[in-house]
């Protein structure tokens, strides 16, 4: 595998948090946060669930399939929402993608 890179999120993307960012549960505040150097983001409950699936192995399509089954919701609606959310995080530097060596 090559290293992480900035991404334009689509159904085939395999997103992952970059090395400098960690998703952790903050016991003091009782919320999940993404910790990055000099930055903290508190994603909502659904975003946390999506981020926990972002392991660099699953594609956005795969994790959308999983969420559509779990929530008995239309896959295309889930996919569209997930792409928007992940692109926003990628644009802010909280998400990247692992790509295969070519």
PDB file of N, CA and C in Angstrom:
ATOM      1  N   UNK A   1       0.833  -1.192   0.000  1.00  0.00           N
ATOM      2  CA  UNK A   1       0.000   0.000   0.000  1.00  0.00           C
ATOM      3  C   UNK A   1       0.871   1.247   0.000  1.00  0.00           C
ATOM      4  N   UNK A   2       0.393   2.228  -0.696  1.00  0.00           N
ATOM      5  CA  UNK A   2       1.053   3.525  -0.666  1.00  0.00           C
ATOM      6  C   UNK A   2       0.522   4.284   0.536  1.00  0.00           C
ATOM      7  N   UNK A   3       1.025   5.476   0.757  1.00  0.00           N
ATOM      8  CA  UNK A   3       0.598   6.263   1.900  1.00  0.00           C
ATOM      9  C   UNK A   3      -0.743   6.919   1.688  1.00  0.00           C
ATOM     10  N   UNK A   4      -1.231   7.604   2.714  1.00  0.00           N
ATOM     11  CA  UNK A   4      -2.507   8.292   2.615  1.00  0.00           C
ATOM     12  C   UNK A   4      -2.393   9.501   1.690  1.00  0.00           C
ATOM     13  N   UNK A   5      -3.541   9.975   1.189  1.00  0.00           N
ATOM     14  CA  UNK A   5      -3.553  11.143   0.325  1.00  0.00           C
ATOM     15  C   UNK A   5      -4.874  11.872   0.500  1.00  0.00           C
ATOM     16  N   UNK A   6      -4.920  13.119   0.023  1.00  0.00           N
ATOM     17  CA  UNK A   6      -6.172  13.853   0.019  1.00  0.00           C
ATOM     18  C   UNK A   6      -7.097  13.207  -0.998  1.00  0.00           C
ATOM     19  N   UNK A   7      -8.395  13.317  -0.759  1.00  0.00           N
ATOM     20  CA  UNK A   7      -9.318  12.594  -1.621  1.00  0.00           C
ATOM     21  C   UNK A   7     -10.498  13.443  -2.067  1.00  0.00           C
ATOM     22  N   UNK A   8     -11.061  12.995  -3.166  1.00  0.00           N
ATOM     23  CA  UNK A   8     -12.365  13.444  -3.614  1.00  0.00           C
ATOM     24  C   UNK A   8     -13.245  12.222  -3.366  1.00  0.00           C
ATOM     25  N   UNK A   9     -14.123  12.285  -2.390  1.00  0.00           N
ATOM     26  CA  UNK A   9     -14.876  11.114  -1.937  1.00  0.00           C
ATOM     27  C   UNK A   9     -15.901  10.697  -2.984  1.00  0.00           C
ATOM     28  N   UNK A  10     -15.899   9.396  -3.276  1.00  0.00           N
ATOM     29  CA  UNK A  10     -16.910   8.800  -4.144  1.00  0.00           C
ATOM     30  C   UNK A  10     -17.190   7.392  -3.631  1.00  0.00           C
ATOM     31  N   UNK A  11     -18.047   6.681  -4.312  1.00  0.00           N
ATOM     32  CA  UNK A  11     -18.470   5.365  -3.835  1.00  0.00           C
ATOM     33  C   UNK A  11     -17.316   4.373  -3.707  1.00  0.00           C
ATOM     34  N   UNK A  12     -16.286   4.514  -4.529  1.00  0.00           N
ATOM     35  CA  UNK A  12     -15.160   3.583  -4.499  1.00  0.00           C
ATOM     36  C   UNK A  12     -14.068   3.981  -3.503  1.00  0.00           C
ATOM     37  N   UNK A  13     -14.133   5.191  -2.956  1.00  0.00           N
ATOM     38  CA  UNK A  13     -13.116   5.651  -1.999  1.00  0.00           C
ATOM     39  C   UNK A  13     -13.062   4.717  -0.797  1.00  0.00           C
ATOM     40  N   UNK A  14     -11.855   4.563  -0.248  1.00  0.00           N
ATOM     41  CA  UNK A  14     -11.654   3.772   0.972  1.00  0.00           C
ATOM     42  C   UNK A  14     -11.067   4.701   2.025  1.00  0.00           C
ATOM     43  N   UNK A  15     -11.943   5.468   2.689  1.00  0.00           N
ATOM     44  CA  UNK A  15     -11.463   6.502   3.615  1.00  0.00           C
ATOM     45  C   UNK A  15     -10.919   5.946   4.925  1.00  0.00           C
ATOM     46  N   UNK A  16     -10.035   6.754   5.507  1.00  0.00           N
ATOM     47  CA  UNK A  16      -9.434   6.430   6.798  1.00  0.00           C
ATOM     48  C   UNK A  16      -8.995   7.749   7.442  1.00  0.00           C
ATOM     49  N   UNK A  17      -8.976   7.777   8.755  1.00  0.00           N
ATOM     50  CA  UNK A  17      -8.436   8.952   9.432  1.00  0.00           C
ATOM     51  C   UNK A  17      -6.935   9.004   9.187  1.00  0.00           C
ATOM     52  N   UNK A  18      -6.382  10.181   8.945  1.00  0.00           N
ATOM     53  CA  UNK A  18      -4.929  10.267   8.763  1.00  0.00           C
ATOM     54  C   UNK A  18      -4.202   9.962  10.071  1.00  0.00           C
ATOM     55  N   UNK A  19      -2.917   9.703   9.982  1.00  0.00           N
ATOM     56  CA  UNK A  19      -2.142   9.345  11.170  1.00  0.00           C
ATOM     57  C   UNK A  19      -2.201  10.404  12.260  1.00  0.00           C
ATOM     58  N   UNK A  20      -2.312  11.659  11.889  1.00  0.00           N
ATOM     59  CA  UNK A  20      -2.305  12.735  12.883  1.00  0.00           C
ATOM     60  C   UNK A  20      -3.655  12.929  13.576  1.00  0.00           C
ATOM     61  N   UNK A  21      -4.685  12.198  13.159  1.00  0.00           N
ATOM     62  CA  UNK A  21      -6.028  12.356  13.742  1.00  0.00           C
ATOM     63  C   UNK A  21      -6.481  11.043  14.381  1.00  0.00           C
ATOM     64  N   UNK A  22      -7.103  11.159  15.530  1.00  0.00           N
ATOM     65  CA  UNK A  22      -7.588   9.979  16.253  1.00  0.00           C
ATOM     66  C   UNK A  22      -9.036  10.188  16.672  1.00  0.00           C
ATOM     67  N   UNK A  23      -9.864   9.166  16.494  1.00  0.00           N
ATOM     68  CA  UNK A  23     -11.241   9.180  16.982  1.00  0.00           C
ATOM     69  C   UNK A  23     -11.214   8.560  18.369  1.00  0.00           C
ATOM     70  N   UNK A  24     -11.582   9.357  19.373  1.00  0.00           N
ATOM     71  CA  UNK A  24     -11.528   8.886  20.756  1.00  0.00           C
ATOM     72  C   UNK A  24     -12.780   9.314  21.504  1.00  0.00           C
ATOM     73  N   UNK A  25     -13.130   8.534  22.508  1.00  0.00           N
ATOM     74  CA  UNK A  25     -14.240   8.903  23.378  1.00  0.00           C
ATOM     75  C   UNK A  25     -13.688   9.751  24.514  1.00  0.00           C
ATOM     76  N   UNK A  26     -14.254  10.947  24.683  1.00  0.00           N
ATOM     77  CA  UNK A  26     -13.837  11.865  25.742  1.00  0.00           C
ATOM     78  C   UNK A  26     -14.703  11.591  26.969  1.00  0.00           C
ATOM     79  N   UNK A  27     -14.136  10.905  27.957  1.00  0.00           N
ATOM     80  CA  UNK A  27     -14.879  10.550  29.172  1.00  0.00           C
ATOM     81  C   UNK A  27     -15.363  11.779  29.938  1.00  0.00           C
ATOM     82  N   UNK A  28     -14.588  12.839  29.916  1.00  0.00           N
ATOM     83  CA  UNK A  28     -14.960  14.046  30.658  1.00  0.00           C
ATOM     84  C   UNK A  28     -16.230  14.667  30.095  1.00  0.00           C
ATOM     85  N   UNK A  29     -16.253  14.814  28.778  1.00  0.00           N
ATOM     86  CA  UNK A  29     -17.414  15.451  28.124  1.00  0.00           C
ATOM     87  C   UNK A  29     -18.495  14.451  27.728  1.00  0.00           C
ATOM     88  N   UNK A  30     -18.175  13.168  27.773  1.00  0.00           N
ATOM     89  CA  UNK A  30     -19.101  12.099  27.386  1.00  0.00           C
ATOM     90  C   UNK A  30     -19.511  12.216  25.918  1.00  0.00           C
ATOM     91  N   UNK A  31     -18.521  12.517  25.062  1.00  0.00           N
ATOM     92  CA  UNK A  31     -18.753  12.612  23.623  1.00  0.00           C
ATOM     93  C   UNK A  31     -17.552  12.033  22.876  1.00  0.00           C
ATOM     94  N   UNK A  32     -17.779  11.619  21.641  1.00  0.00           N
ATOM     95  CA  UNK A  32     -16.704  11.212  20.758  1.00  0.00           C
ATOM     96  C   UNK A  32     -16.097  12.460  20.150  1.00  0.00           C
ATOM     97  N   UNK A  33     -14.790  12.468  19.974  1.00  0.00           N
ATOM     98  CA  UNK A  33     -14.094  13.584  19.347  1.00  0.00           C
ATOM     99  C   UNK A  33     -13.030  13.049  18.388  1.00  0.00           C
ATOM    100  N   UNK A  34     -12.728  13.870  17.387  1.00  0.00           N
ATOM    101  CA  UNK A  34     -11.569  13.615  16.544  1.00  0.00           C
ATOM    102  C   UNK A  34     -10.501  14.574  17.030  1.00  0.00           C
ATOM    103  N   UNK A  35      -9.392  14.014  17.480  1.00  0.00           N
ATOM    104  CA  UNK A  35      -8.275  14.812  17.962  1.00  0.00           C
ATOM    105  C   UNK A  35      -7.216  14.898  16.879  1.00  0.00           C
ATOM    106  N   UNK A  36      -6.802  16.112  16.571  1.00  0.00           N
ATOM    107  CA  UNK A  36      -5.722  16.364  15.625  1.00  0.00           C
ATOM    108  C   UNK A  36      -4.865  17.464  16.240  1.00  0.00           C
ATOM    109  N   UNK A  37      -3.649  17.628  15.753  1.00  0.00           N
ATOM    110  CA  UNK A  37      -2.807  18.669  16.336  1.00  0.00           C
ATOM    111  C   UNK A  37      -3.507  20.033  16.365  1.00  0.00           C
ATOM    112  N   UNK A  38      -3.662  20.558  17.568  1.00  0.00           N
ATOM    113  CA  UNK A  38      -4.282  21.857  17.817  1.00  0.00           C
ATOM    114  C   UNK A  38      -5.710  21.976  17.299  1.00  0.00           C
ATOM    115  N   UNK A  39      -6.381  20.845  17.103  1.00  0.00           N
ATOM    116  CA  UNK A  39      -7.759  20.841  16.611  1.00  0.00           C
ATOM    117  C   UNK A  39      -8.545  19.723  17.281  1.00  0.00           C
ATOM    118  N   UNK A  40      -9.798  20.015  17.562  1.00  0.00           N
ATOM    119  CA  UNK A  40     -10.708  19.002  18.092  1.00  0.00           C
ATOM    120  C   UNK A  40     -12.039  19.175  17.375  1.00  0.00           C
ATOM    121  N   UNK A  41     -12.620  18.076  16.953  1.00  0.00           N
ATOM    122  CA  UNK A  41     -13.923  18.099  16.303  1.00  0.00           C
ATOM    123  C   UNK A  41     -14.809  17.104  17.032  1.00  0.00           C
ATOM    124  N   UNK A  42     -16.028  17.510  17.355  1.00  0.00           N
ATOM    125  CA  UNK A  42     -16.982  16.625  18.016  1.00  0.00           C
ATOM    126  C   UNK A  42     -18.075  16.237  17.019  1.00  0.00           C
ATOM    127  N   UNK A  43     -17.898  15.132  16.293  1.00  0.00           N
ATOM    128  CA  UNK A  43     -18.904  14.706  15.321  1.00  0.00           C
ATOM    129  C   UNK A  43     -20.167  14.206  16.017  1.00  0.00           C
ATOM    130  N   UNK A  44     -21.301  14.286  15.311  1.00  0.00           N
ATOM    131  CA  UNK A  44     -22.543  13.786  15.891  1.00  0.00           C
ATOM    132  C   UNK A  44     -22.545  12.252  15.907  1.00  0.00           C
ATOM    133  N   UNK A  45     -23.563  11.693  16.509  1.00  0.00           N
ATOM    134  CA  UNK A  45     -23.640  10.247  16.733  1.00  0.00           C
ATOM    135  C   UNK A  45     -23.567   9.439  15.432  1.00  0.00           C
ATOM    136  N   UNK A  46     -24.263   9.888  14.399  1.00  0.00           N
ATOM    137  CA  UNK A  46     -24.247   9.179  13.122  1.00  0.00           C
ATOM    138  C   UNK A  46     -22.869   9.293  12.469  1.00  0.00           C
ATOM    139  N   UNK A  47     -22.269  10.469  12.524  1.00  0.00           N
ATOM    140  CA  UNK A  47     -20.939  10.655  11.954  1.00  0.00           C
ATOM    141  C   UNK A  47     -19.928   9.738  12.640  1.00  0.00           C
ATOM    142  N   UNK A  48     -20.043   9.589  13.951  1.00  0.00           N
ATOM    143  CA  UNK A  48     -19.145   8.687  14.682  1.00  0.00           C
ATOM    144  C   UNK A  48     -19.304   7.264  14.160  1.00  0.00           C
ATOM    145  N   UNK A  49     -20.546   6.842  13.961  1.00  0.00           N
ATOM    146  CA  UNK A  49     -20.779   5.488  13.462  1.00  0.00           C
ATOM    147  C   UNK A  49     -20.139   5.295  12.088  1.00  0.00           C
ATOM    148  N   UNK A  50     -20.268   6.286  11.218  1.00  0.00           N
ATOM    149  CA  UNK A  50     -19.656   6.210   9.891  1.00  0.00           C
ATOM    150  C   UNK A  50     -18.131   6.185  10.029  1.00  0.00           C
ATOM    151  N   UNK A  51     -17.585   7.066  10.846  1.00  0.00           N
ATOM    152  CA  UNK A  51     -16.131   7.142  11.015  1.00  0.00           C
ATOM    153  C   UNK A  51     -15.551   5.841  11.573  1.00  0.00           C
ATOM    154  N   UNK A  52     -16.288   5.170  12.431  1.00  0.00           N
ATOM    155  CA  UNK A  52     -15.800   3.904  12.978  1.00  0.00           C
ATOM    156  C   UNK A  52     -15.695   2.831  11.893  1.00  0.00           C
ATOM    157  N   UNK A  53     -16.417   3.011  10.793  1.00  0.00           N
ATOM    158  CA  UNK A  53     -16.351   2.076   9.669  1.00  0.00           C
ATOM    159  C   UNK A  53     -15.254   2.449   8.666  1.00  0.00           C
ATOM    160  N   UNK A  54     -14.701   3.635   8.795  1.00  0.00           N
ATOM    161  CA  UNK A  54     -13.670   4.128   7.873  1.00  0.00           C
ATOM    162  C   UNK A  54     -12.314   3.574   8.275  1.00  0.00           C
ATOM    163  N   UNK A  55     -12.022   2.381   7.791  1.00  0.00           N
ATOM    164  CA  UNK A  55     -10.797   1.691   8.186  1.00  0.00           C
ATOM    165  C   UNK A  55      -9.770   1.582   7.056  1.00  0.00           C
ATOM    166  N   UNK A  56     -10.062   2.200   5.896  1.00  0.00           N
ATOM    167  CA  UNK A  56      -9.162   2.104   4.763  1.00  0.00           C
ATOM    168  C   UNK A  56      -9.345   0.827   3.963  1.00  0.00           C
ATOM    169  N   UNK A  57     -10.135  -0.096   4.477  1.00  0.00           N
ATOM    170  CA  UNK A  57     -10.414  -1.357   3.777  1.00  0.00           C
ATOM    171  C   UNK A  57     -11.775  -1.314   3.099  1.00  0.00           C
ATOM    172  N   UNK A  58     -12.781  -0.795   3.801  1.00  0.00           N
ATOM    173  CA  UNK A  58     -14.132  -0.712   3.248  1.00  0.00           C
ATOM    174  C   UNK A  58     -14.242   0.497   2.325  1.00  0.00           C
ATOM    175  N   UNK A  59     -14.951   0.313   1.229  1.00  0.00           N
ATOM    176  CA  UNK A  59     -15.235   1.448   0.354  1.00  0.00           C
ATOM    177  C   UNK A  59     -16.441   2.198   0.917  1.00  0.00           C
ATOM    178  N   UNK A  60     -16.634   3.402   0.435  1.00  0.00           N
ATOM    179  CA  UNK A  60     -17.805   4.189   0.839  1.00  0.00           C
ATOM    180  C   UNK A  60     -19.075   3.431   0.460  1.00  0.00           C
ATOM    181  N   UNK A  61     -19.056   2.758  -0.677  1.00  0.00           N
ATOM    182  CA  UNK A  61     -20.208   1.941  -1.081  1.00  0.00           C
ATOM    183  C   UNK A  61     -20.473   0.810  -0.104  1.00  0.00           C
ATOM    184  N   UNK A  62     -19.402   0.142   0.347  1.00  0.00           N
ATOM    185  CA  UNK A  62     -19.536  -0.963   1.307  1.00  0.00           C
ATOM    186  C   UNK A  62     -20.132  -0.483   2.626  1.00  0.00           C
ATOM    187  N   UNK A  63     -19.601   0.621   3.138  1.00  0.00           N
ATOM    188  CA  UNK A  63     -20.120   1.071   4.425  1.00  0.00           C
ATOM    189  C   UNK A  63     -21.531   1.631   4.286  1.00  0.00           C
ATOM    190  N   UNK A  64     -21.877   2.174   3.119  1.00  0.00           N
ATOM    191  CA  UNK A  64     -23.252   2.622   2.879  1.00  0.00           C
ATOM    192  C   UNK A  64     -24.207   1.436   2.837  1.00  0.00           C
ATOM    193  N   UNK A  65     -23.760   0.334   2.219  1.00  0.00           N
ATOM    194  CA  UNK A  65     -24.566  -0.899   2.205  1.00  0.00           C
ATOM    195  C   UNK A  65     -24.845  -1.355   3.629  1.00  0.00           C
ATOM    196  N   UNK A  66     -23.806  -1.373   4.453  1.00  0.00           N
ATOM    197  CA  UNK A  66     -23.924  -1.814   5.840  1.00  0.00           C
ATOM    198  C   UNK A  66     -24.904  -0.929   6.616  1.00  0.00           C
ATOM    199  N   UNK A  67     -24.803   0.380   6.442  1.00  0.00           N
ATOM    200  CA  UNK A  67     -25.691   1.306   7.150  1.00  0.00           C
ATOM    201  C   UNK A  67     -27.129   1.216   6.633  1.00  0.00           C
ATOM    202  N   UNK A  68     -27.297   0.992   5.336  1.00  0.00           N
ATOM    203  CA  UNK A  68     -28.647   0.872   4.764  1.00  0.00           C
ATOM    204  C   UNK A  68     -29.375  -0.329   5.359  1.00  0.00           C
ATOM    205  N   UNK A  69     -28.641  -1.424   5.542  1.00  0.00           N
ATOM    206  CA  UNK A  69     -29.241  -2.614   6.155  1.00  0.00           C
ATOM    207  C   UNK A  69     -29.561  -2.336   7.620  1.00  0.00           C
ATOM    208  N   UNK A  70     -28.616  -1.773   8.341  1.00  0.00           N
ATOM    209  CA  UNK A  70     -28.804  -1.518   9.774  1.00  0.00           C
ATOM    210  C   UNK A  70     -29.999  -0.611  10.036  1.00  0.00           C
ATOM    211  N   UNK A  71     -30.145   0.435   9.226  1.00  0.00           N
ATOM    212  CA  UNK A  71     -31.208   1.418   9.463  1.00  0.00           C
ATOM    213  C   UNK A  71     -32.429   1.218   8.573  1.00  0.00           C
ATOM    214  N   UNK A  72     -32.442   0.139   7.778  1.00  0.00           N
ATOM    215  CA  UNK A  72     -33.552  -0.138   6.867  1.00  0.00           C
ATOM    216  C   UNK A  72     -33.920   1.119   6.081  1.00  0.00           C
ATOM    217  N   UNK A  73     -32.898   1.734   5.501  1.00  0.00           N
ATOM    218  CA  UNK A  73     -33.066   2.974   4.745  1.00  0.00           C
ATOM    219  C   UNK A  73     -32.587   2.759   3.313  1.00  0.00           C
ATOM    220  N   UNK A  74     -33.070   3.587   2.383  1.00  0.00           N
ATOM    221  CA  UNK A  74     -32.631   3.442   0.987  1.00  0.00           C
ATOM    222  C   UNK A  74     -31.126   3.671   0.852  1.00  0.00           C
ATOM    223  N   UNK A  75     -30.453   2.743   0.190  1.00  0.00           N
ATOM    224  CA  UNK A  75     -29.004   2.802   0.034  1.00  0.00           C
ATOM    225  C   UNK A  75     -28.563   4.098  -0.631  1.00  0.00           C
ATOM    226  N   UNK A  76     -29.247   4.519  -1.667  1.00  0.00           N
ATOM    227  CA  UNK A  76     -28.833   5.719  -2.399  1.00  0.00           C
ATOM    228  C   UNK A  76     -28.895   6.970  -1.520  1.00  0.00           C
ATOM    229  N   UNK A  77     -29.885   7.041  -0.639  1.00  0.00           N
ATOM    230  CA  UNK A  77     -29.985   8.180   0.283  1.00  0.00           C
ATOM    231  C   UNK A  77     -28.829   8.158   1.282  1.00  0.00           C
ATOM    232  N   UNK A  78     -28.547   6.977   1.811  1.00  0.00           N
ATOM    233  CA  UNK A  78     -27.430   6.828   2.754  1.00  0.00           C
ATOM    234  C   UNK A  78     -26.125   7.186   2.045  1.00  0.00           C
ATOM    235  N   UNK A  79     -25.924   6.640   0.854  1.00  0.00           N
ATOM    236  CA  UNK A  79     -24.694   6.887   0.103  1.00  0.00           C
ATOM    237  C   UNK A  79     -24.491   8.381  -0.134  1.00  0.00           C
ATOM    238  N   UNK A  80     -25.526   9.072  -0.576  1.00  0.00           N
ATOM    239  CA  UNK A  80     -25.413  10.513  -0.843  1.00  0.00           C
ATOM    240  C   UNK A  80     -25.035  11.276   0.422  1.00  0.00           C
ATOM    241  N   UNK A  81     -25.678  10.959   1.540  1.00  0.00           N
ATOM    242  CA  UNK A  81     -25.379  11.644   2.807  1.00  0.00           C
ATOM    243  C   UNK A  81     -23.962  11.343   3.291  1.00  0.00           C
ATOM    244  N   UNK A  82     -23.550  10.088   3.164  1.00  0.00           N
ATOM    245  CA  UNK A  82     -22.216   9.682   3.610  1.00  0.00           C
ATOM    246  C   UNK A  82     -21.140  10.380   2.773  1.00  0.00           C
ATOM    247  N   UNK A  83     -21.337  10.458   1.464  1.00  0.00           N
ATOM    248  CA  UNK A  83     -20.350  11.122   0.607  1.00  0.00           C
ATOM    249  C   UNK A  83     -20.209  12.587   0.993  1.00  0.00           C
ATOM    250  N   UNK A  84     -21.323  13.279   1.214  1.00  0.00           N
ATOM    251  CA  UNK A  84     -21.259  14.698   1.599  1.00  0.00           C
ATOM    252  C   UNK A  84     -20.522  14.862   2.923  1.00  0.00           C
ATOM    253  N   UNK A  85     -20.868  14.038   3.906  1.00  0.00           N
ATOM    254  CA  UNK A  85     -20.237  14.144   5.217  1.00  0.00           C
ATOM    255  C   UNK A  85     -18.739  13.854   5.147  1.00  0.00           C
ATOM    256  N   UNK A  86     -18.365  12.774   4.466  1.00  0.00           N
ATOM    257  CA  UNK A  86     -16.960  12.404   4.386  1.00  0.00           C
ATOM    258  C   UNK A  86     -16.158  13.416   3.577  1.00  0.00           C
ATOM    259  N   UNK A  87     -16.755  13.979   2.529  1.00  0.00           N
ATOM    260  CA  UNK A  87     -16.034  14.985   1.745  1.00  0.00           C
ATOM    261  C   UNK A  87     -15.759  16.219   2.592  1.00  0.00           C
ATOM    262  N   UNK A  88     -16.737  16.606   3.413  1.00  0.00           N
ATOM    263  CA  UNK A  88     -16.549  17.747   4.301  1.00  0.00           C
ATOM    264  C   UNK A  88     -15.383  17.493   5.256  1.00  0.00           C
ATOM    265  N   UNK A  89     -15.326  16.302   5.829  1.00  0.00           N
ATOM    266  CA  UNK A  89     -14.225  15.954   6.733  1.00  0.00           C
ATOM    267  C   UNK A  89     -12.891  15.898   5.990  1.00  0.00           C
ATOM    268  N   UNK A  90     -12.904  15.378   4.770  1.00  0.00           N
ATOM    269  CA  UNK A  90     -11.674  15.317   3.972  1.00  0.00           C
ATOM    270  C   UNK A  90     -11.182  16.727   3.646  1.00  0.00           C
ATOM    271  N   UNK A  91     -12.112  17.603   3.294  1.00  0.00           N
ATOM    272  CA  UNK A  91     -11.743  18.983   2.964  1.00  0.00           C
ATOM    273  C   UNK A  91     -11.128  19.705   4.161  1.00  0.00           C
ATOM    274  N   UNK A  92     -11.521  19.314   5.365  1.00  0.00           N
ATOM    275  CA  UNK A  92     -11.000  19.925   6.591  1.00  0.00           C
ATOM    276  C   UNK A  92      -9.734  19.234   7.100  1.00  0.00           C
ATOM    277  N   UNK A  93      -9.293  18.196   6.391  1.00  0.00           N
ATOM    278  CA  UNK A  93      -8.068  17.502   6.778  1.00  0.00           C
ATOM    279  C   UNK A  93      -8.253  16.406   7.810  1.00  0.00           C
ATOM    280  N   UNK A  94      -9.503  16.018   8.082  1.00  0.00           N
ATOM    281  CA  UNK A  94      -9.769  14.972   9.069  1.00  0.00           C
ATOM    282  C   UNK A  94      -9.943  13.592   8.438  1.00  0.00           C
ATOM    283  N   UNK A  95      -9.759  13.479   7.132  1.00  0.00           N
ATOM    284  CA  UNK A  95      -9.980  12.202   6.465  1.00  0.00           C
ATOM    285  C   UNK A  95      -9.071  12.118   5.249  1.00  0.00           C
ATOM    286  N   UNK A  96      -8.591  10.934   4.979  1.00  0.00           N
ATOM    287  CA  UNK A  96      -7.770  10.689   3.798  1.00  0.00           C
ATOM    288  C   UNK A  96      -8.160   9.331   3.242  1.00  0.00           C
ATOM    289  N   UNK A  97      -7.365   8.811   2.320  1.00  0.00           N
ATOM    290  CA  UNK A  97      -7.664   7.519   1.710  1.00  0.00           C
ATOM    291  C   UNK A  97      -6.361   6.761   1.517  1.00  0.00           C
ATOM    292  N   UNK A  98      -6.440   5.462   1.655  1.00  0.00           N
ATOM    293  CA  UNK A  98      -5.307   4.606   1.358  1.00  0.00           C
ATOM    294  C   UNK A  98      -5.498   4.115  -0.073  1.00  0.00           C
ATOM    295  N   UNK A  99      -4.460   4.236  -0.880  1.00  0.00           N
ATOM    296  CA  UNK A  99      -4.593   3.743  -2.236  1.00  0.00           C
ATOM    297  C   UNK A  99      -3.578   2.642  -2.476  1.00  0.00           C
ATOM    298  N   UNK A 100      -3.926   1.765  -3.383  1.00  0.00           N
ATOM    299  CA  UNK A 100      -3.042   0.648  -3.704  1.00  0.00           C
ATOM    300  C   UNK A 100      -1.849   1.148  -4.501  1.00  0.00           C
ATOM    301  N   UNK A 101      -0.725   0.462  -4.372  1.00  0.00           N
ATOM    302  CA  UNK A 101       0.426   0.766  -5.224  1.00  0.00           C
ATOM    303  C   UNK A 101       0.064   0.382  -6.648  1.00  0.00           C
ATOM    304  N   UNK A 102       0.571   1.170  -7.591  1.00  0.00           N
ATOM    305  CA  UNK A 102       0.302   0.851  -9.002  1.00  0.00           C
ATOM    306  C   UNK A 102       1.562   0.429  -9.694  1.00  0.00           C
TER     307      UNK A 102
END
